[in-house]
Amino acid sequence: MTDPPENLIRRANQIARFFATQPEGAAGAAQHLRAFWDPSMRAAITAWRAAGGGGLEPVAAAAVDLLDEAAPQRSATS
């Protein structure tokens, strides 16, 4: 597992706290991350989560999972 991206975790949790009070919840947080985070930031946080990294609050974790689900899947031939 890579070193924890503390700054990204902190920022994702802050965003998720706001969206936890909104009707769109984790989906809204994921959309915010897609719209305002650089692709390398999104890749780092999804890789951290996929590797079992912790620190994300529940809504943030769900948002990151939604980012990962929305990522284009590579085929076995690419």
Protein backbone atom coordinates (compact mmCIF):
# COMPACT_ATOMS: atom_id res chain seq x y z
CA MET A 1 0.00 0.00 0.00
CA THR A 2 1.24 3.50 -0.77
CA ASP A 3 1.69 6.29 1.75
CA PRO A 4 -1.60 7.83 2.83
CA PRO A 5 -2.63 10.92 0.91
CA GLU A 6 -3.59 12.81 4.07
CA ASN A 7 -4.40 16.06 2.30
CA LEU A 8 -6.70 14.34 -0.19
CA ILE A 9 -8.41 12.37 2.58
CA ARG A 10 -8.94 15.54 4.63
CA ARG A 11 -10.34 17.41 1.63
CA ALA A 12 -12.60 14.52 0.56
CA ASN A 13 -13.97 14.28 4.10
CA GLN A 14 -14.68 18.03 4.19
CA ILE A 15 -16.55 17.85 0.88
CA ALA A 16 -18.46 14.77 2.03
CA ARG A 17 -19.52 16.46 5.27
CA PHE A 18 -21.21 19.18 3.23
CA PHE A 19 -22.88 16.75 0.83
CA ALA A 20 -24.02 14.51 3.70
CA THR A 21 -26.54 17.27 4.49
CA GLN A 22 -27.74 17.47 0.88
CA PRO A 23 -30.28 15.22 -0.85
CA GLU A 24 -27.68 13.99 -3.36
CA GLY A 25 -25.32 12.77 -0.61
CA ALA A 26 -22.40 10.66 -1.85
CA ALA A 27 -23.43 11.09 -5.48
CA GLY A 28 -23.16 14.85 -5.09
CA ALA A 29 -19.76 14.54 -3.44
CA ALA A 30 -18.57 12.28 -6.26
CA GLN A 31 -19.82 14.76 -8.85
CA HIS A 32 -17.98 17.56 -7.04
CA LEU A 33 -14.77 15.53 -7.06
CA ARG A 34 -15.20 14.82 -10.79
CA ALA A 35 -15.81 18.49 -11.53
CA PHE A 36 -13.17 20.13 -9.36
CA TRP A 37 -10.39 17.66 -8.65
CA ASP A 38 -7.55 17.06 -11.06
CA PRO A 39 -7.59 13.56 -12.59
CA SER A 40 -4.36 12.71 -10.76
CA MET A 41 -6.00 13.60 -7.44
CA ARG A 42 -9.01 11.39 -8.23
CA ALA A 43 -6.69 8.57 -9.29
CA ALA A 44 -4.68 8.86 -6.08
CA ILE A 45 -7.70 8.74 -3.77
CA THR A 46 -9.36 5.85 -5.64
CA ALA A 47 -6.08 3.90 -5.65
CA TRP A 48 -5.70 4.54 -1.91
CA ARG A 49 -9.22 3.27 -1.26
CA ALA A 50 -8.81 0.26 -3.55
CA ALA A 51 -5.60 -0.69 -1.73
CA GLY A 52 -7.48 -0.76 1.56
CA GLY A 53 -6.40 2.66 2.74
CA GLY A 54 -8.52 4.13 5.50
CA GLY A 55 -9.37 7.52 6.89
CA LEU A 56 -12.34 8.32 4.69
CA GLU A 57 -15.63 9.02 6.44
CA PRO A 58 -18.59 6.94 5.18
CA VAL A 59 -19.98 9.49 2.69
CA ALA A 60 -16.48 10.24 1.39
CA ALA A 61 -15.76 6.52 1.00
CA ALA A 62 -19.01 6.05 -0.91
CA ALA A 63 -18.18 9.02 -3.15
CA VAL A 64 -14.74 7.61 -3.93
CA ASP A 65 -16.34 4.25 -4.68
CA LEU A 66 -18.66 6.01 -7.14
CA LEU A 67 -15.65 7.65 -8.79
CA ASP A 68 -14.01 4.26 -9.17
CA GLU A 69 -17.20 2.76 -10.64
CA ALA A 70 -17.43 5.60 -13.16
CA ALA A 71 -13.81 5.18 -14.31
CA PRO A 72 -13.47 3.72 -17.77
CA GLN A 73 -12.67 0.04 -17.54
CA ARG A 74 -9.64 -1.21 -19.42
CA SER A 75 -10.12 -4.24 -21.57
CA ALA A 76 -7.76 -7.19 -21.28
CA THR A 77 -6.32 -6.25 -24.66
CA SER A 78 -5.49 -2.61 -23.90
